[in-house]
PDB file of N, CA and C in Angstrom:
ATOM      1  N   MET A   1      63.027 101.108  29.223  1.00  0.00           N
ATOM      2  CA  MET A   1      63.538 102.457  29.286  1.00  0.00           C
ATOM      3  C   MET A   1      63.731 102.838  30.750  1.00  0.00           C
ATOM      4  N   ARG A   2      64.802 103.511  31.056  1.00  0.00           N
ATOM      5  CA  ARG A   2      65.120 103.911  32.420  1.00  0.00           C
ATOM      6  C   ARG A   2      64.269 105.115  32.820  1.00  0.00           C
ATOM      7  N   PRO A   3      63.962 105.225  34.106  1.00  0.00           N
ATOM      8  CA  PRO A   3      63.279 106.447  34.563  1.00  0.00           C
ATOM      9  C   PRO A   3      64.236 107.622  34.431  1.00  0.00           C
ATOM     10  N   LEU A   4      63.678 108.811  34.297  1.00  0.00           N
ATOM     11  CA  LEU A   4      64.515 109.988  34.116  1.00  0.00           C
ATOM     12  C   LEU A   4      65.368 110.280  35.352  1.00  0.00           C
ATOM     13  N   ARG A   5      64.878 109.994  36.536  1.00  0.00           N
ATOM     14  CA  ARG A   5      65.623 110.260  37.768  1.00  0.00           C
ATOM     15  C   ARG A   5      65.830 108.948  38.513  1.00  0.00           C
ATOM     16  N   ASP A   6      67.070 108.556  38.674  1.00  0.00           N
ATOM     17  CA  ASP A   6      67.420 107.347  39.411  1.00  0.00           C
ATOM     18  C   ASP A   6      68.262 107.781  40.597  1.00  0.00           C
ATOM     19  N   PRO A   7      67.756 107.628  41.830  1.00  0.00           N
ATOM     20  CA  PRO A   7      68.491 108.132  42.993  1.00  0.00           C
ATOM     21  C   PRO A   7      69.845 107.472  43.194  1.00  0.00           C
ATOM     22  N   GLU A   8      70.076 106.306  42.583  1.00  0.00           N
ATOM     23  CA  GLU A   8      71.348 105.620  42.748  1.00  0.00           C
ATOM     24  C   GLU A   8      72.448 106.210  41.860  1.00  0.00           C
ATOM     25  N   LEU A   9      72.068 106.962  40.850  1.00  0.00           N
ATOM     26  CA  LEU A   9      73.062 107.510  39.934  1.00  0.00           C
ATOM     27  C   LEU A   9      73.447 108.921  40.358  1.00  0.00           C
ATOM     28  N   SER A  10      74.719 109.222  40.270  1.00  0.00           N
ATOM     29  CA  SER A  10      75.147 110.587  40.526  1.00  0.00           C
ATOM     30  C   SER A  10      74.718 111.444  39.344  1.00  0.00           C
ATOM     31  N   GLY A  11      74.785 112.738  39.497  1.00  0.00           N
ATOM     32  CA  GLY A  11      74.393 113.655  38.419  1.00  0.00           C
ATOM     33  C   GLY A  11      75.170 113.400  37.148  1.00  0.00           C
ATOM     34  N   HIS A  12      76.459 113.128  37.287  1.00  0.00           N
ATOM     35  CA  HIS A  12      77.303 112.876  36.110  1.00  0.00           C
ATOM     36  C   HIS A  12      76.894 111.593  35.402  1.00  0.00           C
ATOM     37  N   LYS A  13      76.702 110.544  36.193  1.00  0.00           N
ATOM     38  CA  LYS A  13      76.325 109.254  35.605  1.00  0.00           C
ATOM     39  C   LYS A  13      74.945 109.347  34.957  1.00  0.00           C
ATOM     40  N   GLU A  14      74.048 110.050  35.606  1.00  0.00           N
ATOM     41  CA  GLU A  14      72.692 110.215  35.071  1.00  0.00           C
ATOM     42  C   GLU A  14      72.749 110.959  33.735  1.00  0.00           C
ATOM     43  N   LYS A  15      73.567 111.999  33.688  1.00  0.00           N
ATOM     44  CA  LYS A  15      73.714 112.758  32.440  1.00  0.00           C
ATOM     45  C   LYS A  15      74.282 111.870  31.340  1.00  0.00           C
ATOM     46  N   LYS A  16      75.264 111.061  31.678  1.00  0.00           N
ATOM     47  CA  LYS A  16      75.875 110.166  30.691  1.00  0.00           C
ATOM     48  C   LYS A  16      74.852 109.160  30.170  1.00  0.00           C
ATOM     49  N   VAL A  17      74.043 108.610  31.076  1.00  0.00           N
ATOM     50  CA  VAL A  17      73.019 107.645  30.675  1.00  0.00           C
ATOM     51  C   VAL A  17      72.018 108.311  29.732  1.00  0.00           C
ATOM     52  N   LEU A  18      71.605 109.519  30.084  1.00  0.00           N
ATOM     53  CA  LEU A  18      70.647 110.245  29.234  1.00  0.00           C
ATOM     54  C   LEU A  18      71.253 110.568  27.871  1.00  0.00           C
ATOM     55  N   GLN A  19      72.527 110.944  27.860  1.00  0.00           N
ATOM     56  CA  GLN A  19      73.192 111.226  26.594  1.00  0.00           C
ATOM     57  C   GLN A  19      73.265 109.979  25.725  1.00  0.00           C
ATOM     58  N   GLU A  20      73.551 108.839  26.353  1.00  0.00           N
ATOM     59  CA  GLU A  20      73.604 107.579  25.599  1.00  0.00           C
ATOM     60  C   GLU A  20      72.231 107.217  25.033  1.00  0.00           C
ATOM     61  N   GLU A  21      71.199 107.436  25.830  1.00  0.00           N
ATOM     62  CA  GLU A  21      69.847 107.153  25.353  1.00  0.00           C
ATOM     63  C   GLU A  21      69.482 108.084  24.197  1.00  0.00           C
ATOM     64  N   LEU A  22      69.858 109.339  24.315  1.00  0.00           N
ATOM     65  CA  LEU A  22      69.599 110.305  23.249  1.00  0.00           C
ATOM     66  C   LEU A  22      70.335 109.904  21.975  1.00  0.00           C
ATOM     67  N   GLU A  23      71.581 109.496  22.120  1.00  0.00           N
ATOM     68  CA  GLU A  23      72.354 109.058  20.965  1.00  0.00           C
ATOM     69  C   GLU A  23      71.722 107.819  20.328  1.00  0.00           C
ATOM     70  N   ASN A  24      71.259 106.909  21.142  1.00  0.00           N
ATOM     71  CA  ASN A  24      70.605 105.702  20.644  1.00  0.00           C
ATOM     72  C   ASN A  24      69.340 106.069  19.858  1.00  0.00           C
ATOM     73  N   ARG A  25      68.543 106.971  20.404  1.00  0.00           N
ATOM     74  CA  ARG A  25      67.315 107.400  19.708  1.00  0.00           C
ATOM     75  C   ARG A  25      67.663 108.091  18.387  1.00  0.00           C
ATOM     76  N   SER A  26      68.684 108.919  18.403  1.00  0.00           N
ATOM     77  CA  SER A  26      69.100 109.602  17.175  1.00  0.00           C
ATOM     78  C   SER A  26      69.554 108.595  16.123  1.00  0.00           C
ATOM     79  N   ASN A  27      70.281 107.581  16.555  1.00  0.00           N
ATOM     80  CA  ASN A  27      70.706 106.524  15.628  1.00  0.00           C
ATOM     81  C   ASN A  27      69.507 105.784  15.058  1.00  0.00           C
ATOM     82  N   GLN A  28      68.501 105.542  15.887  1.00  0.00           N
ATOM     83  CA  GLN A  28      67.295 104.870  15.415  1.00  0.00           C
ATOM     84  C   GLN A  28      66.580 105.710  14.361  1.00  0.00           C
ATOM     85  N   VAL A  29      66.512 107.020  14.572  1.00  0.00           N
ATOM     86  CA  VAL A  29      65.869 107.920  13.613  1.00  0.00           C
ATOM     87  C   VAL A  29      66.645 107.911  12.302  1.00  0.00           C
ATOM     88  N   ARG A  30      67.972 107.994  12.371  1.00  0.00           N
ATOM     89  CA  ARG A  30      68.791 107.978  11.153  1.00  0.00           C
ATOM     90  C   ARG A  30      68.600 106.672  10.392  1.00  0.00           C
ATOM     91  N   CYS A  31      68.550 105.567  11.128  1.00  0.00           N
ATOM     92  CA  CYS A  31      68.347 104.266  10.501  1.00  0.00           C
ATOM     93  C   CYS A  31      66.991 104.223   9.797  1.00  0.00           C
ATOM     94  N   ALA A  32      65.969 104.728  10.455  1.00  0.00           N
ATOM     95  CA  ALA A  32      64.625 104.747   9.848  1.00  0.00           C
ATOM     96  C   ALA A  32      64.614 105.620   8.600  1.00  0.00           C
ATOM     97  N   GLU A  33      65.311 106.746   8.640  1.00  0.00           N
ATOM     98  CA  GLU A  33      65.372 107.619   7.468  1.00  0.00           C
ATOM     99  C   GLU A  33      66.086 106.929   6.307  1.00  0.00           C
ATOM    100  N   LYS A  34      67.163 106.221   6.600  1.00  0.00           N
ATOM    101  CA  LYS A  34      67.886 105.509   5.545  1.00  0.00           C
ATOM    102  C   LYS A  34      67.010 104.433   4.920  1.00  0.00           C
ATOM    103  N   LYS A  35      66.268 103.706   5.760  1.00  0.00           N
ATOM    104  CA  LYS A  35      65.369 102.681   5.232  1.00  0.00           C
ATOM    105  C   LYS A  35      64.296 103.310   4.350  1.00  0.00           C
ATOM    106  N   LEU A  36      63.766 104.435   4.782  1.00  0.00           N
ATOM    107  CA  LEU A  36      62.743 105.120   4.013  1.00  0.00           C
ATOM    108  C   LEU A  36      63.293 105.599   2.678  1.00  0.00           C
ATOM    109  N   GLN A  37      64.481 106.148   2.686  1.00  0.00           N
ATOM    110  CA  GLN A  37      65.099 106.592   1.432  1.00  0.00           C
ATOM    111  C   GLN A  37      65.326 105.410   0.498  1.00  0.00           C
ATOM    112  N   HIS A  38      65.743 104.289   1.058  1.00  0.00           N
ATOM    113  CA  HIS A  38      65.963 103.096   0.248  1.00  0.00           C
ATOM    114  C   HIS A  38      64.656 102.651  -0.389  1.00  0.00           C
ATOM    115  N   ARG A  39      63.583 102.669   0.385  1.00  0.00           N
ATOM    116  CA  ARG A  39      62.276 102.272  -0.155  1.00  0.00           C
ATOM    117  C   ARG A  39      61.799 103.240  -1.224  1.00  0.00           C
ATOM    118  N   GLU A  40      62.068 104.517  -1.029  1.00  0.00           N
ATOM    119  CA  GLU A  40      61.704 105.509  -2.045  1.00  0.00           C
ATOM    120  C   GLU A  40      62.434 105.219  -3.354  1.00  0.00           C
ATOM    121  N   LEU A  41      63.722 104.927  -3.245  1.00  0.00           N
ATOM    122  CA  LEU A  41      64.500 104.617  -4.436  1.00  0.00           C
ATOM    123  C   LEU A  41      63.981 103.358  -5.120  1.00  0.00           C
ATOM    124  N   GLU A  42      63.645 102.348  -4.334  1.00  0.00           N
ATOM    125  CA  GLU A  42      63.100 101.125  -4.911  1.00  0.00           C
ATOM    126  C   GLU A  42      61.792 101.401  -5.643  1.00  0.00           C
ATOM    127  N   SER A  43      60.940 102.213  -5.040  1.00  0.00           N
ATOM    128  CA  SER A  43      59.666 102.552  -5.679  1.00  0.00           C
ATOM    129  C   SER A  43      59.902 103.297  -6.992  1.00  0.00           C
ATOM    130  N   GLN A  44      60.830 104.240  -6.972  1.00  0.00           N
ATOM    131  CA  GLN A  44      61.125 104.992  -8.192  1.00  0.00           C
ATOM    132  C   GLN A  44      61.688 104.077  -9.273  1.00  0.00           C
ATOM    133  N   GLU A  45      62.534 103.138  -8.882  1.00  0.00           N
ATOM    134  CA  GLU A  45      63.082 102.183  -9.846  1.00  0.00           C
ATOM    135  C   GLU A  45      61.973 101.314 -10.433  1.00  0.00           C
ATOM    136  N   GLN A  46      61.026 100.904  -9.597  1.00  0.00           N
ATOM    137  CA  GLN A  46      59.902 100.107 -10.083  1.00  0.00           C
ATOM    138  C   GLN A  46      59.080 100.895 -11.099  1.00  0.00           C
ATOM    139  N   ILE A  47      58.829 102.150 -10.797  1.00  0.00           N
ATOM    140  CA  ILE A  47      58.066 102.994 -11.715  1.00  0.00           C
ATOM    141  C   ILE A  47      58.798 103.113 -13.044  1.00  0.00           C
ATOM    142  N   THR A  48      60.074 103.388 -12.987  1.00  0.00           N
ATOM    143  CA  THR A  48      60.872 103.540 -14.208  1.00  0.00           C
ATOM    144  C   THR A  48      60.869 102.248 -15.015  1.00  0.00           C
ATOM    145  N   TYR A  49      61.057 101.143 -14.342  1.00  0.00           N
ATOM    146  CA  TYR A  49      61.064  99.858 -15.032  1.00  0.00           C
ATOM    147  C   TYR A  49      59.728  99.588 -15.714  1.00  0.00           C
ATOM    148  N   ILE A  50      58.645  99.795 -14.980  1.00  0.00           N
ATOM    149  CA  ILE A  50      57.318  99.543 -15.562  1.00  0.00           C
ATOM    150  C   ILE A  50      57.069 100.465 -16.754  1.00  0.00           C
ATOM    151  N   GLN A  51      57.459 101.716 -16.634  1.00  0.00           N
ATOM    152  CA  GLN A  51      57.274 102.643 -17.750  1.00  0.00           C
ATOM    153  C   GLN A  51      58.069 102.198 -18.974  1.00  0.00           C
ATOM    154  N   GLN A  52      59.313 101.803 -18.754  1.00  0.00           N
ATOM    155  CA  GLN A  52      60.141 101.355 -19.877  1.00  0.00           C
ATOM    156  C   GLN A  52      59.557 100.112 -20.526  1.00  0.00           C
ATOM    157  N   GLU A  53      59.132  99.165 -19.713  1.00  0.00           N
ATOM    158  CA  GLU A  53      58.514  97.955 -20.251  1.00  0.00           C
ATOM    159  C   GLU A  53      57.274  98.306 -21.057  1.00  0.00           C
ATOM    160  N   TYR A  54      56.479  99.151 -20.501  1.00  0.00           N
ATOM    161  CA  TYR A  54      55.247  99.569 -21.162  1.00  0.00           C
ATOM    162  C   TYR A  54      55.550 100.226 -22.504  1.00  0.00           C
ATOM    163  N   GLU A  55      56.477 101.149 -22.501  1.00  0.00           N
ATOM    164  CA  GLU A  55      56.768 101.914 -23.706  1.00  0.00           C
ATOM    165  C   GLU A  55      57.461 101.088 -24.779  1.00  0.00           C
ATOM    166  N   THR A  56      58.349 100.198 -24.384  1.00  0.00           N
ATOM    167  CA  THR A  56      59.134  99.479 -25.387  1.00  0.00           C
ATOM    168  C   THR A  56      58.497  98.190 -25.875  1.00  0.00           C
ATOM    169  N   LYS A  57      57.719  97.525 -25.040  1.00  0.00           N
ATOM    170  CA  LYS A  57      57.229  96.207 -25.434  1.00  0.00           C
ATOM    171  C   LYS A  57      55.735  96.146 -25.714  1.00  0.00           C
ATOM    172  N   PHE A  58      54.959  96.902 -24.977  1.00  0.00           N
ATOM    173  CA  PHE A  58      53.537  96.640 -24.987  1.00  0.00           C
ATOM    174  C   PHE A  58      52.667  97.707 -25.625  1.00  0.00           C
ATOM    175  N   LYS A  59      53.175  98.880 -25.789  1.00  0.00           N
ATOM    176  CA  LYS A  59      52.334  99.969 -26.277  1.00  0.00           C
ATOM    177  C   LYS A  59      51.729  99.595 -27.629  1.00  0.00           C
ATOM    178  N   GLY A  60      50.456  99.598 -27.692  1.00  0.00           N
ATOM    179  CA  GLY A  60      49.747  99.292 -28.920  1.00  0.00           C
ATOM    180  C   GLY A  60      49.605  97.799 -29.200  1.00  0.00           C
ATOM    181  N   LEU A  61      50.240  96.938 -28.421  1.00  0.00           N
ATOM    182  CA  LEU A  61      50.201  95.505 -28.684  1.00  0.00           C
ATOM    183  C   LEU A  61      49.359  94.734 -27.673  1.00  0.00           C
ATOM    184  N   MET A  62      48.840  95.392 -26.696  1.00  0.00           N
ATOM    185  CA  MET A  62      48.117  94.676 -25.655  1.00  0.00           C
ATOM    186  C   MET A  62      46.663  95.128 -25.604  1.00  0.00           C
ATOM    187  N   PRO A  63      45.840  94.282 -25.014  1.00  0.00           N
ATOM    188  CA  PRO A  63      44.445  94.670 -24.846  1.00  0.00           C
ATOM    189  C   PRO A  63      44.324  95.902 -23.946  1.00  0.00           C
ATOM    190  N   ALA A  64      43.273  96.642 -24.150  1.00  0.00           N
ATOM    191  CA  ALA A  64      43.064  97.872 -23.379  1.00  0.00           C
ATOM    192  C   ALA A  64      42.974  97.577 -21.881  1.00  0.00           C
ATOM    193  N   SER A  65      42.394  96.435 -21.509  1.00  0.00           N
ATOM    194  CA  SER A  65      42.261  96.122 -20.084  1.00  0.00           C
ATOM    195  C   SER A  65      43.632  95.925 -19.432  1.00  0.00           C
ATOM    196  N   LEU A  66      44.543  95.273 -20.131  1.00  0.00           N
ATOM    197  CA  LEU A  66      45.890  95.075 -19.596  1.00  0.00           C
ATOM    198  C   LEU A  66      46.645  96.397 -19.537  1.00  0.00           C
ATOM    199  N   ARG A  67      46.477  97.203 -20.562  1.00  0.00           N
ATOM    200  CA  ARG A  67      47.117  98.522 -20.575  1.00  0.00           C
ATOM    201  C   ARG A  67      46.614  99.341 -19.382  1.00  0.00           C
ATOM    202  N   GLN A  68      45.305  99.301 -19.146  1.00  0.00           N
ATOM    203  CA  GLN A  68      44.735 100.037 -18.017  1.00  0.00           C
ATOM    204  C   GLN A  68      45.279  99.511 -16.690  1.00  0.00           C
ATOM    205  N   GLU A  69      45.421  98.206 -16.580  1.00  0.00           N
ATOM    206  CA  GLU A  69      45.968  97.609 -15.354  1.00  0.00           C
ATOM    207  C   GLU A  69      47.391  98.106 -15.104  1.00  0.00           C
ATOM    208  N   LEU A  70      48.195  98.160 -16.146  1.00  0.00           N
ATOM    209  CA  LEU A  70      49.568  98.656 -15.988  1.00  0.00           C
ATOM    210  C   LEU A  70      49.580 100.142 -15.642  1.00  0.00           C
ATOM    211  N   GLU A  71      48.715 100.902 -16.267  1.00  0.00           N
ATOM    212  CA  GLU A  71      48.652 102.328 -15.942  1.00  0.00           C
ATOM    213  C   GLU A  71      48.207 102.538 -14.500  1.00  0.00           C
ATOM    214  N   ASP A  72      47.287 101.701 -14.030  1.00  0.00           N
ATOM    215  CA  ASP A  72      46.852 101.775 -12.631  1.00  0.00           C
ATOM    216  C   ASP A  72      47.998 101.421 -11.688  1.00  0.00           C
ATOM    217  N   THR A  73      48.796 100.436 -12.081  1.00  0.00           N
ATOM    218  CA  THR A  73      49.962 100.058 -11.264  1.00  0.00           C
ATOM    219  C   THR A  73      50.941 101.221 -11.175  1.00  0.00           C
ATOM    220  N   ILE A  74      51.194 101.856 -12.284  1.00  0.00           N
ATOM    221  CA  ILE A  74      52.100 103.013 -12.306  1.00  0.00           C
ATOM    222  C   ILE A  74      51.555 104.120 -11.412  1.00  0.00           C
ATOM    223  N   SER A  75      50.272 104.387 -11.534  1.00  0.00           N
ATOM    224  CA  SER A  75      49.647 105.418 -10.713  1.00  0.00           C
ATOM    225  C   SER A  75      49.771 105.079  -9.226  1.00  0.00           C
ATOM    226  N   SER A  76      49.550 103.827  -8.891  1.00  0.00           N
ATOM    227  CA  SER A  76      49.668 103.384  -7.502  1.00  0.00           C
ATOM    228  C   SER A  76      51.095 103.564  -6.987  1.00  0.00           C
ATOM    229  N   LEU A  77      52.069 103.205  -7.805  1.00  0.00           N
ATOM    230  CA  LEU A  77      53.474 103.358  -7.398  1.00  0.00           C
ATOM    231  C   LEU A  77      53.834 104.830  -7.208  1.00  0.00           C
ATOM    232  N   LYS A  78      53.309 105.695  -8.068  1.00  0.00           N
ATOM    233  CA  LYS A  78      53.549 107.129  -7.908  1.00  0.00           C
ATOM    234  C   LYS A  78      52.970 107.625  -6.593  1.00  0.00           C
ATOM    235  N   SER A  79      51.782 107.141  -6.249  1.00  0.00           N
ATOM    236  CA  SER A  79      51.166 107.529  -4.976  1.00  0.00           C
ATOM    237  C   SER A  79      52.016 107.061  -3.801  1.00  0.00           C
ATOM    238  N   GLN A  80      52.549 105.858  -3.909  1.00  0.00           N
ATOM    239  CA  GLN A  80      53.398 105.333  -2.837  1.00  0.00           C
ATOM    240  C   GLN A  80      54.650 106.188  -2.671  1.00  0.00           C
ATOM    241  N   VAL A  81      55.237 106.590  -3.777  1.00  0.00           N
ATOM    242  CA  VAL A  81      56.435 107.442  -3.719  1.00  0.00           C
ATOM    243  C   VAL A  81      56.085 108.766  -3.051  1.00  0.00           C
ATOM    244  N   ASN A  82      54.950 109.358  -3.428  1.00  0.00           N
ATOM    245  CA  ASN A  82      54.545 110.625  -2.819  1.00  0.00           C
ATOM    246  C   ASN A  82      54.348 110.458  -1.317  1.00  0.00           C
ATOM    247  N   PHE A  83      53.705 109.375  -0.922  1.00  0.00           N
ATOM    248  CA  PHE A  83      53.502 109.106   0.501  1.00  0.00           C
ATOM    249  C   PHE A  83      54.838 108.980   1.218  1.00  0.00           C
ATOM    250  N   LEU A  84      55.764 108.230   0.649  1.00  0.00           N
ATOM    251  CA  LEU A  84      57.064 108.026   1.281  1.00  0.00           C
ATOM    252  C   LEU A  84      57.843 109.338   1.373  1.00  0.00           C
ATOM    253  N   GLN A  85      57.716 110.186   0.362  1.00  0.00           N
ATOM    254  CA  GLN A  85      58.390 111.481   0.414  1.00  0.00           C
ATOM    255  C   GLN A  85      57.817 112.340   1.533  1.00  0.00           C
ATOM    256  N   LYS A  86      56.502 112.320   1.690  1.00  0.00           N
ATOM    257  CA  LYS A  86      55.881 113.082   2.773  1.00  0.00           C
ATOM    258  C   LYS A  86      56.313 112.530   4.126  1.00  0.00           C
ATOM    259  N   ARG A  87      56.363 111.210   4.240  1.00  0.00           N
ATOM    260  CA  ARG A  87      56.775 110.573   5.493  1.00  0.00           C
ATOM    261  C   ARG A  87      58.223 110.930   5.832  1.00  0.00           C
ATOM    262  N   ALA A  88      59.071 110.933   4.817  1.00  0.00           N
ATOM    263  CA  ALA A  88      60.473 111.308   5.037  1.00  0.00           C
ATOM    264  C   ALA A  88      60.565 112.748   5.528  1.00  0.00           C
ATOM    265  N   SER A  89      59.741 113.609   4.960  1.00  0.00           N
ATOM    266  CA  SER A  89      59.734 115.004   5.385  1.00  0.00           C
ATOM    267  C   SER A  89      59.300 115.132   6.838  1.00  0.00           C
ATOM    268  N   ILE A  90      58.267 114.386   7.221  1.00  0.00           N
ATOM    269  CA  ILE A  90      57.791 114.414   8.602  1.00  0.00           C
ATOM    270  C   ILE A  90      58.875 113.906   9.551  1.00  0.00           C
ATOM    271  N   LEU A  91      59.518 112.798   9.183  1.00  0.00           N
ATOM    272  CA  LEU A  91      60.581 112.254  10.032  1.00  0.00           C
ATOM    273  C   LEU A  91      61.734 113.244  10.163  1.00  0.00           C
ATOM    274  N   GLN A  92      62.055 113.928   9.074  1.00  0.00           N
ATOM    275  CA  GLN A  92      63.129 114.917   9.123  1.00  0.00           C
ATOM    276  C   GLN A  92      62.761 116.055  10.064  1.00  0.00           C
ATOM    277  N   GLU A  93      61.512 116.514   9.995  1.00  0.00           N
ATOM    278  CA  GLU A  93      61.070 117.571  10.897  1.00  0.00           C
ATOM    279  C   GLU A  93      61.119 117.114  12.352  1.00  0.00           C
ATOM    280  N   GLU A  94      60.692 115.881  12.600  1.00  0.00           N
ATOM    281  CA  GLU A  94      60.741 115.350  13.960  1.00  0.00           C
ATOM    282  C   GLU A  94      62.179 115.250  14.460  1.00  0.00           C
ATOM    283  N   LEU A  95      63.070 114.834  13.598  1.00  0.00           N
ATOM    284  CA  LEU A  95      64.484 114.741  13.983  1.00  0.00           C
ATOM    285  C   LEU A  95      65.035 116.118  14.314  1.00  0.00           C
ATOM    286  N   MET A  96      64.727 117.092  13.473  1.00  0.00           N
ATOM    287  CA  MET A  96      65.227 118.444  13.713  1.00  0.00           C
ATOM    288  C   MET A  96      64.667 118.996  15.028  1.00  0.00           C
ATOM    289  N   ALA A  97      63.383 118.738  15.287  1.00  0.00           N
ATOM    290  CA  ALA A  97      62.778 119.200  16.534  1.00  0.00           C
ATOM    291  C   ALA A  97      63.426 118.489  17.718  1.00  0.00           C
ATOM    292  N   TYR A  98      63.650 117.215  17.584  1.00  0.00           N
ATOM    293  CA  TYR A  98      64.268 116.416  18.646  1.00  0.00           C
ATOM    294  C   TYR A  98      65.679 116.909  18.927  1.00  0.00           C
ATOM    295  N   GLN A  99      66.436 117.176  17.855  1.00  0.00           N
ATOM    296  CA  GLN A  99      67.808 117.660  18.044  1.00  0.00           C
ATOM    297  C   GLN A  99      67.809 119.071  18.610  1.00  0.00           C
ATOM    298  N   GLY A 100      66.784 119.850  18.311  1.00  0.00           N
ATOM    299  CA  GLY A 100      66.692 121.203  18.832  1.00  0.00           C
ATOM    300  C   GLY A 100      66.449 121.252  20.327  1.00  0.00           C
ATOM    301  N   ARG A 101      65.891 120.172  20.860  1.00  0.00           N
ATOM    302  CA  ARG A 101      65.617 120.101  22.292  1.00  0.00           C
ATOM    303  C   ARG A 101      66.816 119.653  23.087  1.00  0.00           C
ATOM    304  N   ARG A 102      67.853 119.169  22.410  1.00  0.00           N
ATOM    305  CA  ARG A 102      69.015 118.641  23.139  1.00  0.00           C
ATOM    306  C   ARG A 102      69.746 119.703  23.879  1.00  0.00           C
TER     307      ARG A 102
END
């Protein structure tokens, strides 16, 4: 990362460099948000799939221990989705704060 003040750069060039760095950081934040949204969708799809499998194939046909294991998996996936949603919210707030400082 470049120092904020470089005596070799004119004011215009320094401003341009800072703007490019800001744009790069903003792109990185957007990329991270997209990845997070993708992971959230994957988690939700996993939950839906497990629920459908559970309801259509196994309900009443499996041992209680296996049923409990699947229910625990579903619960774990729900927790992961909640965590990812909170993380996305935090990243969004950080982005808004960062853009507000520009």
